[in-house]
Amino acid sequence: MAVTGLTKEQLVALRQFDSPTICNAVELWNLRPRNTGYMNLAIKACFPAFPPMVGYALTSTFRSMAPPRGGDAYGSIGAQLEAFEDIPGPPVIVFQDLDEPSASATFGEVMCSTYKRFGAQGLITSGTGRDLAQVEALGFPTFTNGACAAHGYCHILTINGPVTVGGMIIYPGDLLHGDLNGVTTIPTEIATEVPEVCREIARAEAIVLDYLKRESVTTTGFNAARKECGDAINALGKRLRGD
């Protein structure tokens, strides 16, 4: 049986915020260096207008340069679907494309339709994708390093082991949040607190943003608003860390 993750309501709460705000919130706990925990610019949203994606990593490795030594190219998808039970909640399919450079597309319309039907929240690959118009019509978020028209000799090698995607190691069950800004992980031990912290950050940032909307502004006034915002965020961080 899978370990229980966040409730549906808690996952929905995380989807209310963009990935930069999520990153800002996570930083306040000082659980990891600020230059870690998120994917680099190699991974981009295929559909930037889609709302944030939240789910738990189901990891796999992939190749397409040469045929698999046995079985058919899509034979492991059934094993992936069975592995959904080992994930704490709704999965995000995460592929590490082992071919360098990527030889062909990791996914297309059929794979994404399958994953979505079985409850996946999206897909991330260090390689490429195809059938992007059809996948967009499905409303299925995907994140890639580009696009490619062909599927080559696509096959899945391993399921639910550590993978490296976008410059970071992803472990099975990692909680992921992604949108047009990129993809980040959320430490599970603080995940339930993150939405309220995001709201507090937004209230602090509104001090500066509201000031800038005034009919008349000055450098002195801006600096005062910025200090008030910074003081509020610093106080929030100290409270979360127990400083």
Protein backbone atom coordinates (compact mmCIF):
# COMPACT_ATOMS: atom_id res chain seq x y z
CA MET A 1 0.00 0.00 0.00
CA ALA A 2 1.15 3.52 -0.78
CA VAL A 3 2.01 5.98 1.95
CA THR A 4 -0.77 8.53 2.34
CA GLY A 5 0.09 11.97 0.99
CA LEU A 6 -1.70 15.28 1.13
CA THR A 7 -5.47 15.41 0.92
CA LYS A 8 -7.21 16.57 -2.23
CA GLU A 9 -7.99 19.89 -0.54
CA GLN A 10 -4.36 20.40 0.46
CA LEU A 11 -3.17 19.71 -3.09
CA VAL A 12 -5.76 22.16 -4.45
CA ALA A 13 -4.45 24.78 -2.00
CA LEU A 14 -0.93 24.42 -3.43
CA ARG A 15 -2.28 24.89 -6.96
CA GLN A 16 -3.52 28.37 -6.06
CA PHE A 17 0.02 29.75 -6.16
CA ASP A 18 2.64 30.03 -8.89
CA SER A 19 5.98 28.27 -8.61
CA PRO A 20 8.00 31.42 -7.74
CA THR A 21 5.74 32.07 -4.74
CA ILE A 22 6.08 28.42 -3.70
CA CYS A 23 9.88 28.74 -3.93
CA ASN A 24 9.82 31.96 -1.89
CA ALA A 25 7.80 30.21 0.80
CA VAL A 26 10.00 27.10 0.97
CA GLU A 27 13.14 29.25 1.25
CA LEU A 28 11.95 30.70 4.56
CA TRP A 29 12.42 27.38 6.39
CA ASN A 30 16.12 27.17 5.36
CA LEU A 31 15.73 23.43 4.81
CA ARG A 32 18.01 23.48 1.74
CA PRO A 33 20.35 25.88 -0.06
CA ARG A 34 18.46 28.48 -2.07
CA ASN A 35 20.07 27.37 -5.33
CA THR A 36 18.70 23.83 -5.04
CA GLY A 37 15.32 22.13 -5.15
CA TYR A 38 14.15 23.36 -8.56
CA MET A 39 14.79 22.39 -12.18
CA ASN A 40 17.02 24.50 -14.36
CA LEU A 41 16.17 26.29 -17.62
CA ALA A 42 16.52 23.08 -19.64
CA ILE A 43 12.97 22.17 -18.56
CA LYS A 44 10.21 24.38 -19.92
CA ALA A 45 6.42 24.24 -19.83
CA CYS A 46 4.96 23.15 -23.17
CA PHE A 47 1.73 24.98 -22.35
CA PRO A 48 2.54 28.13 -20.37
CA ALA A 49 -1.11 29.16 -20.06
CA PHE A 50 -2.00 26.05 -18.04
CA PRO A 51 -2.56 26.45 -14.29
CA PRO A 52 -0.01 25.04 -11.83
CA MET A 53 0.57 21.29 -11.76
CA VAL A 54 0.96 19.52 -8.40
CA GLY A 55 1.62 15.84 -7.81
CA TYR A 56 4.03 13.14 -6.68
CA ALA A 57 6.91 11.96 -8.86
CA LEU A 58 6.65 8.58 -10.54
CA THR A 59 10.10 8.28 -12.06
CA SER A 60 11.32 6.34 -15.10
CA THR A 61 14.30 6.18 -17.43
CA PHE A 62 13.91 6.18 -21.20
CA ARG A 63 15.85 5.54 -24.40
CA SER A 64 14.97 5.73 -28.08
CA MET A 65 18.26 5.63 -30.01
CA ALA A 66 18.16 1.83 -30.48
CA PRO A 67 15.52 -0.91 -30.09
CA PRO A 68 14.97 -2.50 -26.66
CA ARG A 69 16.57 -5.91 -26.20
CA GLY A 70 13.23 -7.46 -25.45
CA GLY A 71 9.53 -6.62 -25.33
CA ASP A 72 7.70 -3.92 -27.23
CA ALA A 73 8.35 -0.20 -26.98
CA TYR A 74 5.28 0.56 -24.85
CA GLY A 75 5.25 -2.65 -22.80
CA SER A 76 6.38 -0.93 -19.61
CA ILE A 77 3.52 1.58 -19.51
CA GLY A 78 1.35 -1.03 -17.81
CA ALA A 79 4.03 -1.46 -15.15
CA GLN A 80 4.09 2.32 -14.69
CA LEU A 81 0.34 2.36 -14.16
CA GLU A 82 0.63 -0.40 -11.58
CA ALA A 83 3.33 1.64 -9.82
CA PHE A 84 0.82 4.47 -9.28
CA GLU A 85 -0.15 2.56 -6.13
CA ASP A 86 3.36 3.11 -4.71
CA ILE A 87 3.07 6.91 -4.94
CA PRO A 88 1.63 8.93 -2.01
CA GLY A 89 -0.92 10.72 -4.19
CA PRO A 90 -1.74 11.80 -7.77
CA PRO A 91 1.37 11.11 -9.89
CA VAL A 92 3.45 13.34 -12.10
CA ILE A 93 5.29 11.15 -14.62
CA VAL A 94 9.00 12.06 -14.63
CA PHE A 95 11.31 10.71 -17.34
CA GLN A 96 15.07 10.91 -17.59
CA ASP A 97 15.99 10.51 -21.25
CA LEU A 98 19.31 8.65 -21.17
CA ASP A 99 20.18 9.43 -24.80
CA GLU A 100 22.43 12.46 -25.15
CA PRO A 101 21.34 14.31 -27.14
CA SER A 102 17.74 13.13 -27.11
CA ALA A 103 17.08 10.89 -30.12
CA SER A 104 13.28 11.25 -30.30
CA ALA A 105 10.13 12.11 -28.37
CA THR A 106 9.49 10.63 -24.93
CA PHE A 107 5.72 11.02 -25.22
CA GLY A 108 2.82 11.64 -27.57
CA GLU A 109 -0.95 11.78 -27.54
CA VAL A 110 -1.55 8.10 -26.69
CA MET A 111 0.80 8.03 -23.71
CA CYS A 112 -0.52 11.28 -22.27
CA SER A 113 -4.13 10.18 -22.79
CA THR A 114 -3.33 6.97 -20.91
CA TYR A 115 -1.59 8.70 -18.03
CA LYS A 116 -4.34 11.28 -17.64
CA ARG A 117 -7.09 8.65 -17.70
CA PHE A 118 -5.39 6.83 -14.84
CA GLY A 119 -5.07 9.99 -12.74
CA ALA A 120 -1.67 11.48 -13.55
CA GLN A 121 -1.42 15.24 -13.15
CA GLY A 122 1.24 15.87 -15.78
CA LEU A 123 4.54 14.74 -17.27
CA ILE A 124 8.13 15.99 -17.15
CA THR A 125 10.93 14.74 -19.36
CA SER A 126 14.56 15.73 -19.77
CA GLY A 127 14.02 14.81 -23.42
CA THR A 128 11.41 15.92 -25.93
CA GLY A 129 7.72 15.50 -26.70
CA ARG A 130 5.44 15.38 -29.73
CA ASP A 131 1.73 15.60 -30.62
CA LEU A 132 1.78 18.84 -28.68
CA ALA A 133 -1.47 20.20 -30.17
CA GLN A 134 -3.31 17.03 -29.19
CA VAL A 135 -1.76 16.92 -25.72
CA GLU A 136 -2.66 20.55 -25.16
CA ALA A 137 -6.26 19.73 -26.10
CA LEU A 138 -6.22 17.04 -23.41
CA GLY A 139 -5.43 19.70 -20.82
CA PHE A 140 -2.45 17.62 -19.69
CA PRO A 141 0.57 19.67 -18.49
CA THR A 142 3.92 18.62 -19.94
CA PHE A 143 7.43 19.96 -19.39
CA THR A 144 10.27 19.17 -21.79
CA ASN A 145 13.63 20.17 -23.21
CA GLY A 146 12.06 20.60 -26.65
CA ALA A 147 9.96 18.92 -29.34
CA CYS A 148 10.63 16.12 -31.83
CA ALA A 149 8.36 14.69 -34.54
CA ALA A 150 9.32 10.99 -34.24
CA HIS A 151 9.27 8.37 -31.48
CA GLY A 152 12.29 6.39 -32.67
CA TYR A 153 12.79 3.17 -30.71
CA CYS A 154 11.20 4.53 -27.53
CA HIS A 155 11.26 2.23 -24.52
CA ILE A 156 11.20 2.51 -20.74
CA LEU A 157 14.11 0.92 -18.88
CA THR A 158 13.48 1.44 -15.15
CA ILE A 159 10.57 2.56 -13.00
CA ASN A 160 10.61 4.31 -9.61
CA GLY A 161 14.30 4.84 -9.05
CA PRO A 162 16.17 8.15 -8.69
CA VAL A 163 16.45 10.15 -11.92
CA THR A 164 18.21 13.37 -12.90
CA VAL A 165 16.05 15.92 -14.71
CA GLY A 166 16.69 19.62 -15.13
CA GLY A 167 19.87 19.51 -13.08
CA MET A 168 18.35 17.93 -9.99
CA ILE A 169 17.80 14.44 -8.62
CA ILE A 170 14.14 13.44 -8.37
CA TYR A 171 13.18 10.56 -6.11
CA PRO A 172 9.95 8.54 -6.37
CA GLY A 173 7.26 10.25 -4.34
CA ASP A 174 8.83 13.73 -4.36
CA LEU A 175 6.14 16.40 -4.25
CA LEU A 176 6.37 18.53 -7.42
CA HIS A 177 4.90 21.91 -8.36
CA GLY A 178 5.26 23.29 -11.88
CA ASP A 179 3.96 26.06 -14.11
CA LEU A 180 5.21 28.41 -16.84
CA ASN A 181 8.01 29.56 -14.50
CA GLY A 182 9.46 26.08 -14.01
CA VAL A 183 9.31 23.08 -11.69
CA THR A 184 10.19 22.89 -7.99
CA THR A 185 9.97 20.29 -5.27
CA ILE A 186 8.15 20.96 -2.00
CA PRO A 187 9.54 19.25 1.12
CA THR A 188 6.72 17.05 2.37
CA GLU A 189 7.32 17.92 6.02
CA ILE A 190 6.23 21.52 5.41
CA ALA A 191 3.83 21.05 2.50
CA THR A 192 0.65 21.58 4.51
CA GLU A 193 1.96 24.92 5.81
CA VAL A 194 3.14 26.30 2.47
CA PRO A 195 -0.20 27.73 1.20
CA GLU A 196 -0.71 29.96 4.26
CA VAL A 197 2.92 31.09 4.08
CA CYS A 198 2.37 31.96 0.41
CA ARG A 199 -0.60 34.09 1.44
CA GLU A 200 1.48 35.87 4.06
CA ILE A 201 4.23 36.55 1.52
CA ALA A 202 1.64 37.95 -0.90
CA ARG A 203 0.34 40.28 1.81
CA ALA A 204 3.87 41.49 2.52
CA GLU A 205 4.66 42.04 -1.17
CA ALA A 206 1.39 43.95 -1.55
CA ILE A 207 2.87 46.67 0.69
CA VAL A 208 5.33 47.54 -2.09
CA LEU A 209 2.97 46.88 -4.98
CA ASP A 210 0.22 48.99 -3.47
CA TYR A 211 2.66 51.82 -2.86
CA LEU A 212 3.74 51.75 -6.51
CA LYS A 213 0.10 52.18 -7.58
CA ARG A 214 -0.18 55.53 -5.80
CA GLU A 215 -0.62 58.65 -7.85
CA SER A 216 2.59 60.09 -6.43
CA VAL A 217 5.64 58.11 -5.35
CA THR A 218 9.08 59.00 -3.99
CA THR A 219 12.29 57.11 -3.44
CA THR A 220 11.92 57.67 0.28
CA GLY A 221 8.40 56.26 0.26
CA PHE A 222 9.46 53.29 -1.86
CA ASN A 223 12.35 52.47 0.47
CA ALA A 224 10.02 52.66 3.47
CA ALA A 225 7.52 50.30 1.79
CA ARG A 226 10.30 47.91 0.80
CA LYS A 227 11.64 47.86 4.38
CA GLU A 228 8.17 47.18 5.78
CA CYS A 229 7.76 44.31 3.32
CA GLY A 230 11.21 42.90 4.13
CA ASP A 231 10.62 43.17 7.86
CA ALA A 232 7.34 41.25 7.53
CA ILE A 233 8.97 38.44 5.50
CA ASN A 234 11.97 38.24 7.83
CA ALA A 235 9.65 37.98 10.83
CA LEU A 236 7.71 35.24 9.07
CA GLY A 237 10.89 33.29 8.39
CA LYS A 238 12.04 33.56 12.01
CA ARG A 239 8.67 32.30 13.18
CA LEU A 240 8.76 29.30 10.84
CA ARG A 241 12.32 28.39 11.83
CA GLY A 242 11.73 28.97 15.52
CA ASP A 243 14.58 31.51 15.65
